[in-house]
């Protein structure tokens, strides 16, 4: 790296978080089902105080991995 050059880091991308209620509505399941998935480690979540927030990509990843082919 030439002297005087400044290392630029890419700007951090904002991650959109969803509430348990929003995840339940997207997945068409109950809030308790979402809590079970979070506590089982099947759905990534971040604890904020006494509630959970689920990163939007985690919901997409879970749903894409949960698909089954019915013959």
N, C-alpha and C. Protein backbone atom coordinates (compact mmCIF):
# COMPACT_ATOMS: atom_id res chain seq x y z
N UNK A 1 0.84 -1.17 0.00
CA UNK A 1 0.00 0.00 0.00
C UNK A 1 0.89 1.24 0.00
N UNK A 2 0.65 2.19 -0.89
CA UNK A 2 1.49 3.38 -0.95
C UNK A 2 1.35 4.19 0.34
N UNK A 3 2.43 4.89 0.67
CA UNK A 3 2.38 5.69 1.89
C UNK A 3 1.35 6.80 1.73
N UNK A 4 0.66 7.09 2.80
CA UNK A 4 -0.36 8.12 2.76
C UNK A 4 -1.72 7.61 2.29
N UNK A 5 -1.76 6.35 1.83
CA UNK A 5 -3.04 5.79 1.38
C UNK A 5 -3.89 5.46 2.60
N UNK A 6 -5.16 5.69 2.47
CA UNK A 6 -6.09 5.42 3.56
C UNK A 6 -6.89 4.17 3.23
N UNK A 7 -6.90 3.24 4.16
CA UNK A 7 -7.67 2.02 3.97
C UNK A 7 -9.14 2.34 4.20
N UNK A 8 -9.94 2.11 3.18
CA UNK A 8 -11.36 2.40 3.32
C UNK A 8 -12.12 1.10 3.50
N UNK A 9 -12.92 1.09 4.52
CA UNK A 9 -13.76 -0.07 4.78
C UNK A 9 -15.09 0.14 4.08
N UNK A 10 -15.68 -0.96 3.61
CA UNK A 10 -17.00 -0.80 2.99
C UNK A 10 -18.01 -0.35 4.04
N UNK A 11 -18.96 0.43 3.62
CA UNK A 11 -19.99 0.90 4.55
C UNK A 11 -20.79 -0.30 5.05
N UNK A 12 -21.06 -0.35 6.35
CA UNK A 12 -21.84 -1.48 6.86
C UNK A 12 -23.26 -1.44 6.30
N UNK A 13 -23.75 -2.62 5.96
CA UNK A 13 -25.11 -2.71 5.45
C UNK A 13 -26.08 -2.80 6.61
N UNK A 14 -27.14 -2.08 6.51
CA UNK A 14 -28.15 -2.12 7.57
C UNK A 14 -28.91 -3.44 7.49
N UNK A 15 -29.10 -4.06 8.63
CA UNK A 15 -29.85 -5.30 8.70
C UNK A 15 -31.23 -4.97 9.23
N UNK A 16 -32.23 -5.44 8.54
CA UNK A 16 -33.60 -5.19 8.96
C UNK A 16 -34.02 -6.29 9.94
N UNK A 17 -34.54 -5.87 11.08
CA UNK A 17 -34.98 -6.82 12.09
C UNK A 17 -36.50 -6.87 12.14
N UNK A 18 -37.03 -8.04 12.42
CA UNK A 18 -38.47 -8.25 12.51
C UNK A 18 -38.83 -8.67 13.93
N UNK A 19 -40.02 -8.31 14.36
CA UNK A 19 -40.50 -8.78 15.65
C UNK A 19 -41.00 -10.22 15.50
N UNK A 20 -41.20 -10.88 16.63
CA UNK A 20 -41.73 -12.25 16.60
C UNK A 20 -43.12 -12.25 15.95
N UNK A 21 -43.92 -11.23 16.23
CA UNK A 21 -45.25 -11.14 15.63
C UNK A 21 -45.17 -11.01 14.11
N UNK A 22 -44.23 -10.20 13.63
CA UNK A 22 -44.07 -10.03 12.18
C UNK A 22 -43.60 -11.34 11.53
N UNK A 23 -42.67 -12.04 12.18
CA UNK A 23 -42.19 -13.32 11.64
C UNK A 23 -43.34 -14.32 11.59
N UNK A 24 -44.13 -14.37 12.66
CA UNK A 24 -45.27 -15.29 12.69
C UNK A 24 -46.25 -15.00 11.55
N UNK A 25 -46.48 -13.72 11.27
CA UNK A 25 -47.39 -13.35 10.18
C UNK A 25 -46.81 -13.75 8.83
N UNK A 26 -45.51 -13.54 8.64
CA UNK A 26 -44.87 -13.90 7.37
C UNK A 26 -44.94 -15.41 7.14
N UNK A 27 -44.68 -16.17 8.21
CA UNK A 27 -44.64 -17.63 8.10
C UNK A 27 -46.02 -18.28 8.25
N UNK A 28 -47.02 -17.47 8.62
CA UNK A 28 -48.38 -17.96 8.85
C UNK A 28 -48.40 -19.05 9.92
N UNK A 29 -47.72 -18.77 11.04
CA UNK A 29 -47.71 -19.66 12.20
C UNK A 29 -47.98 -18.81 13.44
N UNK A 30 -48.10 -19.45 14.59
CA UNK A 30 -48.33 -18.71 15.82
C UNK A 30 -47.02 -18.12 16.34
N UNK A 31 -47.14 -17.13 17.23
CA UNK A 31 -45.95 -16.56 17.85
C UNK A 31 -45.22 -17.62 18.66
N UNK A 32 -45.95 -18.54 19.29
CA UNK A 32 -45.31 -19.59 20.09
C UNK A 32 -44.43 -20.48 19.20
N UNK A 33 -44.85 -20.73 17.98
CA UNK A 33 -44.02 -21.52 17.05
C UNK A 33 -42.72 -20.80 16.77
N UNK A 34 -42.78 -19.49 16.57
CA UNK A 34 -41.57 -18.71 16.32
C UNK A 34 -40.65 -18.76 17.55
N UNK A 35 -41.23 -18.60 18.75
CA UNK A 35 -40.42 -18.69 19.96
C UNK A 35 -39.76 -20.06 20.09
N UNK A 36 -40.47 -21.11 19.74
CA UNK A 36 -39.89 -22.46 19.79
C UNK A 36 -38.72 -22.59 18.82
N UNK A 37 -38.87 -22.06 17.63
CA UNK A 37 -37.79 -22.11 16.64
C UNK A 37 -36.56 -21.34 17.14
N UNK A 38 -36.80 -20.18 17.76
CA UNK A 38 -35.69 -19.38 18.28
C UNK A 38 -34.99 -20.11 19.41
N UNK A 39 -35.76 -20.63 20.37
CA UNK A 39 -35.17 -21.31 21.52
C UNK A 39 -34.47 -22.61 21.13
N UNK A 40 -34.93 -23.25 20.06
CA UNK A 40 -34.30 -24.48 19.59
C UNK A 40 -33.05 -24.20 18.76
N UNK A 41 -32.82 -22.93 18.43
CA UNK A 41 -31.66 -22.58 17.63
C UNK A 41 -31.87 -22.77 16.13
N UNK A 42 -33.09 -23.03 15.73
CA UNK A 42 -33.38 -23.23 14.31
C UNK A 42 -33.56 -21.91 13.56
N UNK A 43 -33.88 -20.85 14.31
CA UNK A 43 -34.09 -19.53 13.72
C UNK A 43 -33.25 -18.54 14.52
N UNK A 44 -32.34 -17.87 13.84
CA UNK A 44 -31.45 -16.92 14.52
C UNK A 44 -32.24 -15.72 15.01
N UNK A 45 -31.88 -15.24 16.20
CA UNK A 45 -32.54 -14.07 16.76
C UNK A 45 -31.59 -13.36 17.71
N UNK A 46 -31.89 -12.10 17.95
CA UNK A 46 -31.12 -11.27 18.87
C UNK A 46 -32.05 -10.87 20.00
N UNK A 47 -31.56 -11.01 21.21
CA UNK A 47 -32.38 -10.61 22.35
C UNK A 47 -32.17 -9.12 22.63
N UNK A 48 -33.25 -8.38 22.69
CA UNK A 48 -33.21 -6.95 22.99
C UNK A 48 -34.09 -6.76 24.22
N UNK A 49 -33.44 -6.58 25.36
CA UNK A 49 -34.21 -6.49 26.60
C UNK A 49 -34.87 -7.83 26.87
N UNK A 50 -36.19 -7.81 26.97
CA UNK A 50 -36.93 -9.05 27.22
C UNK A 50 -37.56 -9.62 25.96
N UNK A 51 -37.33 -8.99 24.82
CA UNK A 51 -37.94 -9.47 23.58
C UNK A 51 -36.88 -9.90 22.58
N UNK A 52 -37.33 -10.54 21.53
CA UNK A 52 -36.43 -11.01 20.48
C UNK A 52 -36.68 -10.23 19.20
N UNK A 53 -35.61 -10.06 18.43
CA UNK A 53 -35.70 -9.51 17.09
C UNK A 53 -35.01 -10.49 16.16
N UNK A 54 -35.64 -10.74 15.05
CA UNK A 54 -35.13 -11.74 14.09
C UNK A 54 -34.64 -11.01 12.85
N UNK A 55 -33.36 -11.22 12.48
CA UNK A 55 -32.87 -10.59 11.24
C UNK A 55 -33.66 -11.12 10.04
N UNK A 56 -34.03 -10.22 9.16
CA UNK A 56 -34.81 -10.62 7.98
C UNK A 56 -34.12 -11.72 7.17
N UNK A 57 -32.79 -11.66 6.96
CA UNK A 57 -32.14 -12.76 6.21
C UNK A 57 -32.28 -14.11 6.90
N UNK A 58 -32.39 -14.13 8.23
CA UNK A 58 -32.54 -15.40 8.94
C UNK A 58 -33.88 -16.05 8.61
N UNK A 59 -34.91 -15.24 8.42
CA UNK A 59 -36.22 -15.78 8.05
C UNK A 59 -36.15 -16.38 6.65
N UNK A 60 -35.52 -15.64 5.73
CA UNK A 60 -35.38 -16.15 4.35
C UNK A 60 -34.58 -17.45 4.33
N UNK A 61 -33.47 -17.50 5.10
CA UNK A 61 -32.64 -18.70 5.15
C UNK A 61 -33.42 -19.88 5.72
N UNK A 62 -34.16 -19.64 6.79
CA UNK A 62 -34.93 -20.72 7.39
C UNK A 62 -35.97 -21.25 6.40
N UNK A 63 -36.70 -20.36 5.76
CA UNK A 63 -37.74 -20.78 4.83
C UNK A 63 -37.17 -21.49 3.61
N UNK A 64 -36.02 -21.04 3.12
CA UNK A 64 -35.44 -21.71 1.95
C UNK A 64 -34.93 -23.10 2.31
N UNK A 65 -34.48 -23.29 3.55
CA UNK A 65 -34.00 -24.60 3.98
C UNK A 65 -35.10 -25.52 4.44
N UNK A 66 -36.29 -24.98 4.66
CA UNK A 66 -37.40 -25.78 5.19
C UNK A 66 -38.28 -26.35 4.10
N UNK A 67 -37.98 -26.05 2.86
CA UNK A 67 -38.82 -26.54 1.77
C UNK A 67 -38.66 -28.04 1.58
N UNK A 68 -39.77 -28.68 1.30
CA UNK A 68 -39.73 -30.11 1.00
C UNK A 68 -40.43 -30.34 -0.32
N UNK A 69 -39.96 -31.33 -1.05
CA UNK A 69 -40.58 -31.68 -2.31
C UNK A 69 -41.62 -32.77 -2.05
N UNK A 70 -42.83 -32.53 -2.50
CA UNK A 70 -43.89 -33.50 -2.32
C UNK A 70 -44.14 -34.15 -3.67
N UNK A 71 -44.07 -35.46 -3.66
CA UNK A 71 -44.25 -36.18 -4.93
C UNK A 71 -45.65 -36.64 -5.11
